[in-house]
Every structure is written in C-alpha cells, then in structure tokens.
C-alpha cells in the first residue's frame, strides 16, 4: 500500500508501539503487528488488531490502572 502521510513510501510488514490515552489513563502496547512505511515510518494497524487493542485498553481501565505497558500478542483479549 502507498503511504497516505508522505505519499512516497510503500508499506511493509513490521511492528510498532501503540499508545492509547483517555481520561488520565495511558496504556502502551509494544511490538504491535502493522504495515510500516519504508520512507517515513508511519505505521498502519489493521481493523482487527485495532479492535483487540481497544478492548484490552478498556479492560485495563476497568481494572483501575493509570499506566500500563504491555507486550502485544495475537492471543490478546
């Protein structure tokens, strides 16, 4: 896919870090599978992965954490 940010690079399989913040709660997911632009580094996470990340962040928020750093695995949620 062509990068929509720099409009010059093509994406390739890789990983990224996703940080989600809401109402004073921060959840960080490391090594999330993504398509990453070879030119500017912009990551693109697919819809299924995004859904899993949001569900995991919601569970963390309900458990009362303020800051949480997690290693992403495909078996999450």
N, C-alpha and C. Protein backbone atom coordinates (compact mmCIF):
# COMPACT_ATOMS: atom_id res chain seq x y z
N UNK A 1 0.85 -1.17 0.00
CA UNK A 1 0.00 0.00 0.00
C UNK A 1 0.89 1.23 0.00
N UNK A 2 0.43 2.31 -0.61
CA UNK A 2 1.16 3.56 -0.58
C UNK A 2 0.84 4.31 0.70
N UNK A 3 1.82 4.98 1.25
CA UNK A 3 1.65 5.74 2.49
C UNK A 3 0.80 6.98 2.22
N UNK A 4 -0.23 7.18 3.04
CA UNK A 4 -1.09 8.35 2.87
C UNK A 4 -0.49 9.60 3.53
N UNK A 5 0.55 9.43 4.33
CA UNK A 5 1.18 10.57 5.00
C UNK A 5 2.23 11.21 4.11
N UNK A 6 3.25 10.44 3.71
CA UNK A 6 4.33 11.02 2.90
C UNK A 6 4.06 10.90 1.40
N UNK A 7 3.15 10.02 1.03
CA UNK A 7 2.75 9.79 -0.35
C UNK A 7 3.89 9.30 -1.26
N UNK A 8 5.02 8.92 -0.66
CA UNK A 8 6.15 8.46 -1.45
C UNK A 8 6.56 7.03 -1.13
N UNK A 9 6.30 6.60 0.09
CA UNK A 9 6.75 5.29 0.52
C UNK A 9 5.70 4.20 0.33
N UNK A 10 6.18 2.98 0.35
CA UNK A 10 5.32 1.80 0.33
C UNK A 10 5.43 1.14 1.70
N UNK A 11 4.34 0.52 2.12
CA UNK A 11 4.36 -0.12 3.43
C UNK A 11 4.85 -1.56 3.31
N UNK A 12 5.39 -2.02 4.43
CA UNK A 12 5.84 -3.41 4.53
C UNK A 12 5.52 -3.91 5.93
N UNK A 13 5.47 -5.20 6.10
CA UNK A 13 5.17 -5.78 7.40
C UNK A 13 6.23 -5.39 8.42
N UNK A 14 5.77 -5.07 9.62
CA UNK A 14 6.68 -4.70 10.70
C UNK A 14 5.92 -4.63 12.00
N UNK A 15 6.48 -3.91 12.96
CA UNK A 15 5.83 -3.72 14.25
C UNK A 15 5.92 -2.25 14.65
N UNK A 16 5.07 -1.88 15.60
CA UNK A 16 5.04 -0.51 16.10
C UNK A 16 4.62 -0.52 17.56
N UNK A 17 4.72 0.62 18.19
CA UNK A 17 4.21 0.81 19.55
C UNK A 17 2.96 1.66 19.45
N UNK A 18 1.89 1.22 20.11
CA UNK A 18 0.63 1.96 20.10
C UNK A 18 0.37 2.45 21.53
N UNK A 19 0.13 3.75 21.67
CA UNK A 19 -0.18 4.35 22.96
C UNK A 19 -1.61 4.86 22.92
N UNK A 20 -2.43 4.41 23.85
CA UNK A 20 -3.83 4.85 23.95
C UNK A 20 -3.99 5.61 25.26
N UNK A 21 -4.59 6.79 25.19
CA UNK A 21 -4.81 7.62 26.38
C UNK A 21 -6.26 8.08 26.44
N UNK A 22 -6.79 8.05 27.65
CA UNK A 22 -8.15 8.54 27.86
C UNK A 22 -8.35 8.84 29.34
N UNK A 23 -8.83 10.03 29.62
CA UNK A 23 -9.21 10.41 30.98
C UNK A 23 -8.14 10.06 32.01
N UNK A 24 -6.90 10.39 31.73
CA UNK A 24 -5.82 10.17 32.68
C UNK A 24 -5.26 8.76 32.71
N UNK A 25 -5.74 7.89 31.85
CA UNK A 25 -5.25 6.50 31.78
C UNK A 25 -4.43 6.35 30.50
N UNK A 26 -3.25 5.74 30.64
CA UNK A 26 -2.38 5.50 29.49
C UNK A 26 -2.05 4.02 29.40
N UNK A 27 -2.32 3.43 28.24
CA UNK A 27 -1.99 2.02 28.01
C UNK A 27 -1.09 1.97 26.77
N UNK A 28 0.07 1.33 26.91
CA UNK A 28 1.05 1.24 25.83
C UNK A 28 1.18 -0.23 25.43
N UNK A 29 1.09 -0.48 24.13
CA UNK A 29 1.27 -1.82 23.58
C UNK A 29 2.52 -1.81 22.72
N UNK A 30 3.47 -2.67 23.04
CA UNK A 30 4.72 -2.75 22.28
C UNK A 30 4.68 -3.92 21.31
N UNK A 31 5.39 -3.78 20.21
CA UNK A 31 5.52 -4.84 19.19
C UNK A 31 4.18 -5.25 18.57
N UNK A 32 3.37 -4.25 18.23
CA UNK A 32 2.09 -4.48 17.57
C UNK A 32 2.34 -4.70 16.08
N UNK A 33 1.77 -5.77 15.52
CA UNK A 33 1.91 -6.03 14.09
C UNK A 33 1.27 -4.90 13.29
N UNK A 34 1.99 -4.42 12.28
CA UNK A 34 1.50 -3.29 11.48
C UNK A 34 2.14 -3.31 10.11
N UNK A 35 1.58 -2.51 9.23
CA UNK A 35 2.22 -2.20 7.96
C UNK A 35 2.92 -0.87 8.19
N UNK A 36 4.22 -0.80 7.91
CA UNK A 36 5.01 0.39 8.22
C UNK A 36 5.61 0.96 6.95
N UNK A 37 5.47 2.28 6.77
CA UNK A 37 6.03 2.94 5.59
C UNK A 37 7.55 2.87 5.62
N UNK A 38 8.13 2.43 4.52
CA UNK A 38 9.58 2.33 4.42
C UNK A 38 10.25 3.68 4.29
N UNK A 39 9.49 4.73 3.96
CA UNK A 39 10.06 6.06 3.78
C UNK A 39 9.98 6.90 5.06
N UNK A 40 8.78 7.04 5.62
CA UNK A 40 8.61 7.94 6.78
C UNK A 40 8.37 7.20 8.10
N UNK A 41 8.11 5.89 8.04
CA UNK A 41 7.92 5.12 9.26
C UNK A 41 6.50 5.12 9.82
N UNK A 42 5.55 5.75 9.12
CA UNK A 42 4.16 5.78 9.59
C UNK A 42 3.60 4.35 9.65
N UNK A 43 3.08 3.95 10.83
CA UNK A 43 2.51 2.61 10.96
C UNK A 43 1.00 2.59 10.68
N UNK A 44 0.54 1.48 10.13
CA UNK A 44 -0.88 1.27 9.88
C UNK A 44 -1.27 -0.06 10.51
N UNK A 45 -2.22 -0.01 11.45
CA UNK A 45 -2.67 -1.20 12.16
C UNK A 45 -4.03 -1.59 11.58
N UNK A 46 -4.22 -2.88 11.31
CA UNK A 46 -5.48 -3.32 10.70
C UNK A 46 -6.65 -3.25 11.69
N UNK A 47 -7.85 -3.35 11.15
CA UNK A 47 -9.07 -3.17 11.93
C UNK A 47 -9.20 -4.20 13.06
N UNK A 48 -8.88 -5.45 12.79
CA UNK A 48 -9.00 -6.49 13.82
C UNK A 48 -8.03 -6.23 14.97
N UNK A 49 -6.80 -5.85 14.64
CA UNK A 49 -5.81 -5.55 15.68
C UNK A 49 -6.24 -4.33 16.48
N UNK A 50 -6.73 -3.31 15.80
CA UNK A 50 -7.21 -2.10 16.49
C UNK A 50 -8.31 -2.45 17.49
N UNK A 51 -9.23 -3.30 17.08
CA UNK A 51 -10.32 -3.71 17.95
C UNK A 51 -9.78 -4.41 19.20
N UNK A 52 -8.82 -5.32 19.01
CA UNK A 52 -8.22 -6.03 20.15
C UNK A 52 -7.52 -5.07 21.10
N UNK A 53 -6.81 -4.09 20.54
CA UNK A 53 -6.11 -3.11 21.37
C UNK A 53 -7.10 -2.28 22.19
N UNK A 54 -8.16 -1.82 21.56
CA UNK A 54 -9.16 -1.02 22.27
C UNK A 54 -9.85 -1.83 23.37
N UNK A 55 -10.15 -3.10 23.10
CA UNK A 55 -10.77 -3.95 24.11
C UNK A 55 -9.83 -4.18 25.29
N UNK A 56 -8.56 -4.44 24.99
CA UNK A 56 -7.58 -4.65 26.07
C UNK A 56 -7.39 -3.39 26.89
N UNK A 57 -7.37 -2.23 26.24
CA UNK A 57 -7.23 -0.96 26.95
C UNK A 57 -8.45 -0.70 27.84
N UNK A 58 -9.62 -1.03 27.34
CA UNK A 58 -10.84 -0.85 28.13
C UNK A 58 -10.81 -1.75 29.37
N UNK A 59 -10.36 -2.99 29.21
CA UNK A 59 -10.24 -3.90 30.37
C UNK A 59 -9.25 -3.34 31.38
N UNK A 60 -8.13 -2.81 30.90
CA UNK A 60 -7.13 -2.22 31.80
C UNK A 60 -7.73 -1.05 32.56
N UNK A 61 -8.48 -0.20 31.87
CA UNK A 61 -9.09 0.96 32.52
C UNK A 61 -10.09 0.51 33.59
N UNK A 62 -10.88 -0.50 33.29
CA UNK A 62 -11.86 -1.01 34.27
C UNK A 62 -11.17 -1.60 35.49
N UNK A 63 -9.95 -2.13 35.31
CA UNK A 63 -9.24 -2.73 36.44
C UNK A 63 -8.59 -1.68 37.34
N UNK A 64 -8.62 -0.42 36.89
CA UNK A 64 -8.13 0.66 37.74
C UNK A 64 -6.71 1.12 37.49
N UNK A 65 -6.07 0.66 36.44
CA UNK A 65 -4.69 1.10 36.20
C UNK A 65 -4.67 2.54 35.71
N UNK A 66 -3.58 3.23 35.99
CA UNK A 66 -3.36 4.57 35.44
C UNK A 66 -2.39 4.52 34.27
N UNK A 67 -1.35 3.68 34.41
CA UNK A 67 -0.37 3.48 33.34
C UNK A 67 -0.11 1.98 33.23
N UNK A 68 -0.14 1.48 32.01
CA UNK A 68 0.08 0.05 31.78
C UNK A 68 0.88 -0.10 30.49
N UNK A 69 1.95 -0.89 30.54
CA UNK A 69 2.75 -1.19 29.36
C UNK A 69 2.69 -2.69 29.14
N UNK A 70 2.29 -3.08 27.91
CA UNK A 70 2.10 -4.49 27.61
C UNK A 70 2.83 -4.88 26.34
N UNK A 71 3.23 -6.12 26.28
CA UNK A 71 3.76 -6.71 25.05
C UNK A 71 2.56 -7.24 24.28
N UNK A 72 2.41 -6.81 23.02
CA UNK A 72 1.28 -7.26 22.23
C UNK A 72 1.49 -8.70 21.79
N UNK A 73 0.43 -9.49 21.91
CA UNK A 73 0.42 -10.85 21.36
C UNK A 73 -0.87 -11.03 20.59
N UNK A 74 -0.86 -11.86 19.59
CA UNK A 74 -2.06 -12.07 18.79
C UNK A 74 -3.15 -12.77 19.59
N UNK A 75 -2.81 -13.34 20.73
CA UNK A 75 -3.79 -14.03 21.57
C UNK A 75 -4.49 -13.09 22.55
N UNK A 76 -4.22 -11.79 22.45
CA UNK A 76 -4.82 -10.82 23.39
C UNK A 76 -6.33 -10.82 23.25
N UNK A 77 -6.98 -10.60 24.36
CA UNK A 77 -8.43 -10.43 24.50
C UNK A 77 -9.21 -11.63 24.06
